[in-house]
Protein backbone atom coordinates (compact mmCIF):
# COMPACT_ATOMS: atom_id res chain seq x y z
CA UNK A 1 -12.09 0.72 -6.39
CA UNK A 2 -9.79 -1.90 -7.81
CA UNK A 3 -7.19 -3.89 -6.02
CA UNK A 4 -4.73 -6.64 -6.12
CA UNK A 5 -3.06 -9.03 -3.80
CA UNK A 6 -1.89 -12.43 -2.81
CA UNK A 7 -4.42 -15.55 -3.10
CA UNK A 8 -4.64 -15.64 0.60
CA UNK A 9 -5.30 -11.77 0.63
CA UNK A 10 -8.07 -12.26 -1.72
CA UNK A 11 -9.70 -14.99 0.29
CA UNK A 12 -9.50 -12.91 3.55
CA UNK A 13 -11.02 -9.69 1.40
CA UNK A 14 -13.83 -12.02 0.11
CA UNK A 15 -15.23 -12.21 3.98
CA UNK A 16 -15.40 -8.51 3.94
CA UNK A 17 -16.40 -7.45 0.55
CA UNK A 18 -20.07 -6.67 -0.23
CA UNK A 19 -20.80 -5.98 3.24
CA UNK A 20 -21.96 -2.52 4.86
CA UNK A 21 -19.25 -2.03 7.43
CA UNK A 22 -19.20 0.83 9.89
CA UNK A 23 -16.10 2.80 10.12
CA UNK A 24 -15.32 0.78 13.40
CA UNK A 25 -15.80 -2.37 11.54
CA UNK A 26 -13.45 -1.21 8.53
CA UNK A 27 -10.72 -0.55 11.10
CA UNK A 28 -11.16 -4.16 12.24
CA UNK A 29 -10.97 -5.47 8.75
CA UNK A 30 -7.86 -3.44 7.90
CA UNK A 31 -6.22 -4.64 10.92
CA UNK A 32 -6.88 -8.33 10.24
CA UNK A 33 -5.55 -7.87 6.66
CA UNK A 34 -2.29 -6.28 8.07
CA UNK A 35 -1.89 -8.79 10.87
CA UNK A 36 -3.55 -11.78 8.75
CA UNK A 37 -0.88 -14.40 9.96
CA UNK A 38 -1.90 -13.74 13.63
CA UNK A 39 -5.65 -13.31 13.27
CA UNK A 40 -6.72 -17.13 13.39
CA UNK A 41 -4.93 -17.32 16.78
CA UNK A 42 -5.84 -14.27 18.64
CA UNK A 43 -8.77 -13.76 20.88
CA UNK A 44 -11.42 -11.24 20.40
CA UNK A 45 -9.83 -9.23 23.22
CA UNK A 46 -6.51 -9.43 21.48
CA UNK A 47 -7.83 -8.37 18.13
CA UNK A 48 -9.77 -5.44 19.95
CA UNK A 49 -6.50 -4.30 21.35
CA UNK A 50 -4.48 -4.45 18.09
CA UNK A 51 -7.33 -2.69 16.31
CA UNK A 52 -7.86 0.05 18.95
CA UNK A 53 -11.60 -0.89 19.36
CA UNK A 54 -13.68 -2.51 21.96
CA UNK A 55 -14.17 -6.25 22.42
CA UNK A 56 -17.88 -6.02 21.70
CA UNK A 57 -17.03 -4.24 18.40
CA UNK A 58 -15.08 -7.33 17.40
CA UNK A 59 -18.08 -9.68 18.35
CA UNK A 60 -20.52 -7.12 16.28
CA UNK A 61 -17.93 -7.28 13.53
CA UNK A 62 -18.25 -10.98 13.36
CA UNK A 63 -21.95 -10.97 13.49
CA UNK A 64 -21.88 -8.26 10.61
CA UNK A 65 -20.05 -10.83 8.36
CA UNK A 66 -22.85 -13.42 8.94
CA UNK A 67 -21.13 -15.55 11.76
CA UNK A 68 -22.78 -16.73 15.10
CA UNK A 69 -19.88 -14.81 16.86
CA UNK A 70 -16.10 -14.37 16.89
CA UNK A 71 -15.06 -18.00 17.59
CA UNK A 72 -16.80 -18.90 14.43
CA UNK A 73 -15.02 -16.22 12.26
CA UNK A 74 -11.81 -17.31 13.72
CA UNK A 75 -12.56 -20.87 12.68
CA UNK A 76 -13.14 -19.34 9.16
CA UNK A 77 -9.74 -17.38 9.35
CA UNK A 78 -7.87 -20.59 10.13
CA UNK A 79 -9.31 -21.81 6.91
CA UNK A 80 -8.52 -19.03 4.61
CA UNK A 81 -5.08 -17.74 5.98
CA UNK A 82 -2.06 -20.13 5.38
CA UNK A 83 -0.95 -22.03 8.37
CA UNK A 84 2.81 -20.80 9.50
CA UNK A 85 5.55 -23.04 8.77
CA UNK A 86 6.32 -25.55 11.86
CA UNK A 87 9.07 -24.73 14.34
CA UNK A 88 12.23 -26.41 13.49
CA UNK A 89 13.00 -29.75 15.59
CA UNK A 90 14.97 -29.59 18.66
CA UNK A 91 18.70 -29.06 18.11
CA UNK A 92 18.21 -27.37 14.72
CA UNK A 93 18.37 -23.75 13.80
CA UNK A 94 18.06 -21.53 16.91
CA UNK A 95 15.00 -19.47 17.51
CA UNK A 96 15.39 -15.98 15.87
CA UNK A 97 15.55 -12.98 17.93
CA UNK A 98 13.37 -10.00 17.52
CA UNK A 99 15.57 -8.22 14.79
CA UNK A 100 15.60 -11.43 12.79
CA UNK A 101 12.07 -11.86 12.91
CA UNK A 102 11.38 -8.50 11.73
CA UNK A 103 13.33 -9.18 8.65
CA UNK A 104 11.71 -12.56 7.99
CA UNK A 105 8.22 -10.83 8.34
CA UNK A 106 9.19 -8.46 5.46
CA UNK A 107 10.67 -11.31 3.60
CA UNK A 108 7.30 -12.91 3.94
CA UNK A 109 5.59 -9.18 2.87
CA UNK A 110 7.79 -9.59 -0.11
CA UNK A 111 6.79 -13.00 -1.31
CA UNK A 112 3.18 -12.11 -0.81
CA UNK A 113 3.94 -8.94 -3.06
CA UNK A 114 5.59 -11.46 -5.71
CA UNK A 115 2.57 -13.67 -5.52
CA UNK A 116 0.19 -10.79 -6.11
CA UNK A 117 2.44 -9.52 -9.13
CA UNK A 118 1.55 -12.96 -10.68
CA UNK A 119 -1.46 -10.99 -12.09
CA UNK A 120 0.29 -7.89 -13.69
CA UNK A 121 -2.82 -6.45 -15.01
CA UNK A 122 -3.64 -3.59 -12.01
CA UNK A 123 0.25 -2.66 -12.17
CA UNK A 124 0.20 -2.32 -15.87
CA UNK A 125 -2.88 -0.16 -15.68
CA UNK A 126 -1.52 2.02 -13.10
CA UNK A 127 1.69 2.60 -15.28
CA UNK A 128 -0.22 3.48 -18.26
CA UNK A 129 -2.38 6.11 -16.16
CA UNK A 130 0.89 7.57 -14.68
CA UNK A 131 2.63 7.56 -17.94
CA UNK A 132 -0.34 9.44 -19.60
CA UNK A 133 -0.75 12.24 -16.98
CA UNK A 134 1.08 15.42 -17.84
CA UNK A 135 2.07 16.62 -15.03
CA UNK A 136 2.00 13.92 -12.51
CA UNK A 137 1.40 14.59 -8.89
CA UNK A 138 2.83 12.02 -6.34
CA UNK A 139 1.31 12.45 -2.95
CA UNK A 140 2.89 11.00 0.33
CA UNK A 141 2.56 12.57 3.78
CA UNK A 142 4.30 11.86 7.02
CA UNK A 143 5.37 8.27 7.16
CA UNK A 144 4.59 7.90 3.24
CA UNK A 145 6.76 11.07 2.37
CA UNK A 146 9.87 9.01 1.82
CA UNK A 147 8.15 6.53 -0.57
CA UNK A 148 6.68 9.57 -2.55
CA UNK A 149 10.05 11.36 -2.58
CA UNK A 150 11.90 8.22 -3.78
CA UNK A 151 9.26 7.49 -6.73
CA UNK A 152 9.30 11.17 -7.74
CA UNK A 153 13.11 11.36 -7.78
CA UNK A 154 13.41 8.60 -10.23
CA UNK A 155 10.28 9.28 -12.32
CA UNK A 156 11.51 12.73 -12.94
CA UNK A 157 14.43 11.11 -15.13
CA UNK A 158 11.78 9.77 -17.47
CA UNK A 159 8.66 11.65 -17.16
CA UNK A 160 8.73 15.16 -18.25
CA UNK A 161 6.68 16.77 -15.21
CA UNK A 162 6.57 14.92 -11.91
CA UNK A 163 5.32 17.04 -8.98
CA UNK A 164 5.85 15.60 -5.51
CA UNK A 165 3.38 16.58 -2.77
CA UNK A 166 4.94 15.71 0.47
CA UNK A 167 3.73 18.57 2.76
CA UNK A 168 0.33 19.08 4.25
CA UNK A 169 -1.30 22.18 5.06
CA UNK A 170 -3.78 24.61 3.59
CA UNK A 171 -1.72 24.82 0.33
CA UNK A 172 -1.91 21.18 -0.53
CA UNK A 173 -5.35 21.30 -2.22
CA UNK A 174 -3.89 24.40 -4.17
CA UNK A 175 -1.15 22.36 -5.46
CA UNK A 176 -3.50 19.39 -6.58
CA UNK A 177 -5.78 22.18 -8.22
CA UNK A 178 -2.89 23.67 -9.86
CA UNK A 179 -1.70 20.19 -11.22
CA UNK A 180 -5.23 19.58 -12.57
CA UNK A 181 -5.28 22.91 -14.39
CA UNK A 182 -1.89 22.07 -15.91
CA UNK A 183 -3.37 18.99 -17.50
CA UNK A 184 -2.94 16.40 -14.97
CA UNK A 185 -5.30 13.21 -15.32
CA UNK A 186 -4.01 10.90 -12.57
CA UNK A 187 -2.48 11.26 -9.03
CA UNK A 188 -0.12 8.69 -7.62
CA UNK A 189 -0.46 8.24 -3.66
CA UNK A 190 1.49 6.38 -1.22
CA UNK A 191 -0.35 5.89 2.00
CA UNK A 192 1.15 4.14 5.08
CA UNK A 193 -0.08 3.82 8.71
CA UNK A 194 -0.64 5.73 10.57
CA UNK A 195 -2.79 7.11 7.88
CA UNK A 196 -3.34 11.01 8.15
CA UNK A 197 -6.69 12.24 7.85
CA UNK A 198 -5.15 14.92 5.43
CA UNK A 199 -4.35 12.33 3.03
CA UNK A 200 -7.87 11.03 2.83
CA UNK A 201 -9.29 14.57 2.36
CA UNK A 202 -6.56 15.38 -0.12
CA UNK A 203 -7.54 12.37 -2.49
CA UNK A 204 -11.22 12.91 -2.11
CA UNK A 205 -10.48 16.43 -3.40
CA UNK A 206 -8.38 15.12 -6.22
CA UNK A 207 -11.32 12.81 -7.27
CA UNK A 208 -13.70 15.67 -6.96
CA UNK A 209 -11.37 17.73 -9.41
CA UNK A 210 -11.48 14.72 -11.93
CA UNK A 211 -8.20 13.15 -11.14
CA UNK A 212 -7.82 9.46 -11.30
CA UNK A 213 -6.15 8.26 -8.03
CA UNK A 214 -3.81 5.48 -8.00
CA UNK A 215 -2.72 4.43 -4.36
CA UNK A 216 0.05 2.18 -2.98
CA UNK A 217 -1.29 1.24 0.63
CA UNK A 218 -0.59 -1.34 3.23
CA UNK A 219 -3.93 -3.13 2.56
CA UNK A 220 -6.96 -3.09 0.57
CA UNK A 221 -8.98 -1.93 3.81
CA UNK A 222 -6.73 0.96 4.49
CA UNK A 223 -8.53 4.39 5.12
CA UNK A 224 -7.74 5.41 1.64
CA UNK A 225 -9.45 2.53 -0.14
CA UNK A 226 -12.80 4.62 -0.58
CA UNK A 227 -11.11 7.51 -2.06
CA UNK A 228 -8.94 5.44 -4.61
CA UNK A 229 -9.83 4.44 -8.08
CA UNK A 230 -7.06 1.76 -8.31
CA UNK A 231 -5.51 0.50 -5.20
CA UNK A 232 -2.26 -1.85 -5.17
CA UNK A 233 -1.71 -3.19 -1.65
CA UNK A 234 1.84 -3.85 -0.41
CA UNK A 235 2.02 -4.81 3.42
CA UNK A 236 4.16 -3.14 6.00
CA UNK A 237 6.07 -4.78 8.74
CA UNK A 238 5.04 -4.17 12.29
CA UNK A 239 7.62 -6.19 14.26
CA UNK A 240 9.73 -3.17 15.29
CA UNK A 241 9.06 0.19 17.03
CA UNK A 242 8.31 1.66 13.91
CA UNK A 243 6.69 0.02 10.79
CA UNK A 244 8.99 -1.13 8.03
CA UNK A 245 8.14 -0.67 4.41
CA UNK A 246 10.11 -2.68 2.01
CA UNK A 247 7.30 -3.96 0.12
CA UNK A 248 5.62 -0.76 -0.58
CA UNK A 249 9.08 0.82 -1.72
CA UNK A 250 9.69 -2.18 -4.00
CA UNK A 251 6.01 -1.81 -5.46
CA UNK A 252 6.94 1.83 -6.02
CA UNK A 253 9.89 0.64 -8.19
CA UNK A 254 7.56 -1.97 -10.07
CA UNK A 255 5.13 0.95 -10.85
CA UNK A 256 8.31 2.92 -12.30
CA UNK A 257 8.96 0.15 -14.53
CA UNK A 258 5.48 -0.36 -15.66
CA UNK A 259 5.17 3.73 -16.32
CA UNK A 260 8.48 3.49 -18.42
CA UNK A 261 6.71 0.78 -20.37
CA UNK A 262 4.23 3.57 -21.32
CA UNK A 263 6.73 6.27 -21.97
CA UNK A 264 8.42 5.80 -25.41
CA UNK A 265 10.95 8.33 -24.86
CA UNK A 266 12.04 6.82 -21.51
CA UNK A 267 15.33 5.23 -22.68
CA UNK A 268 16.35 8.36 -24.43
CA UNK A 269 15.83 10.47 -21.54
CA UNK A 270 17.83 8.02 -19.50
CA UNK A 271 20.72 8.07 -21.83
CA UNK A 272 20.67 11.89 -22.07
CA UNK A 273 20.90 11.95 -18.32
CA UNK A 274 23.89 9.81 -18.17
CA UNK A 275 25.73 11.79 -20.95
CA UNK A 276 25.05 14.99 -18.92
CA UNK A 277 25.87 13.44 -15.49
CA UNK A 278 29.41 12.20 -17.04
CA UNK A 279 30.04 15.79 -18.32
CA UNK A 280 29.50 17.15 -14.89
CA UNK A 281 31.31 14.51 -12.87
CA UNK A 282 28.04 13.98 -10.79
CA UNK A 283 28.94 10.62 -9.53
CA UNK A 284 32.01 9.41 -7.77
CA UNK A 285 32.26 5.94 -9.59
C-alpha cells in the first residue's frame, strides 16, 4: 500500500507503521489520524470513547507501540502533532460558534491536503493508472456514493468508458467482474466513514481479479487501507452531526486533472462536448 499525507500525518503514521496491530488497535490508530489535533490533549478514556473501544485497549495499544503506557504515548503525540494556534487576546475576535468551527476545521483539512500535494507523485501515478484503464470502474458506497458520482460524471466527459459503482448488493461483484472482463486494469474507490464492510469486501475481490485499487480515504489507517494498492488520504470534518467531505471532493477533482494529463484526447473530447451542448441548448448561460 502506498500513501501520501501532510508532514504531520507522516510523523504520526511513523508511530504506527511496521507494527503488528490487531483490528482494535488499527481502529484506534485510524481514530488518532482522523482526530490528530485533539489527540495530544485527550485522556485514554476519551480516546476510547472516540474510537469505540475499551480504555484498557487504548493502554494496550500504547504498549504495542513501545511506550510504557498511554501517558508516554500522549507526550510523544505532543511532539509530533502541531500545536494549535493560540487563542486571540481578550477584546479580539469573538470566539467562533459551532458552525464557524466546522468551517475552520475543513479549511485546516484543505491546508493539510495542500501540504500533502507538495509531493505530486502519488496523484500523478493514480492519474496514470486511471487514464490507462478501459473501462474505469469508480466505486463509492453509502456516504461515499456522492464522491463517486461526482468523479464519474466529469470523468465521462474525457474518458471513453467510466462505470460508476454506487449500489451494493449481490450484483456488485458481478459488475466488478464485468469491468475486468471488458479490459479494466484499475478501480478507483472513494471510502468515507462510516466504512461499509461491503466496500472492503468489494476491494478485496477487485484485487483478487487483478485490478489495481486506487483509493481516496479519510486516513491512511482507514479499514480499506489493507485492500488498496495506492491510497491517497484526505481528512473529513467531524464537527457537525454528519461528517463533511470537502477535502475528499477536492482530491477527486485533483485526480481528474491528473487523469486528464494521461489522456491525450481529453481536450478534444471537452471541445466536442461544448459544441454539442451549445447545439442542444443544454445550459441556460
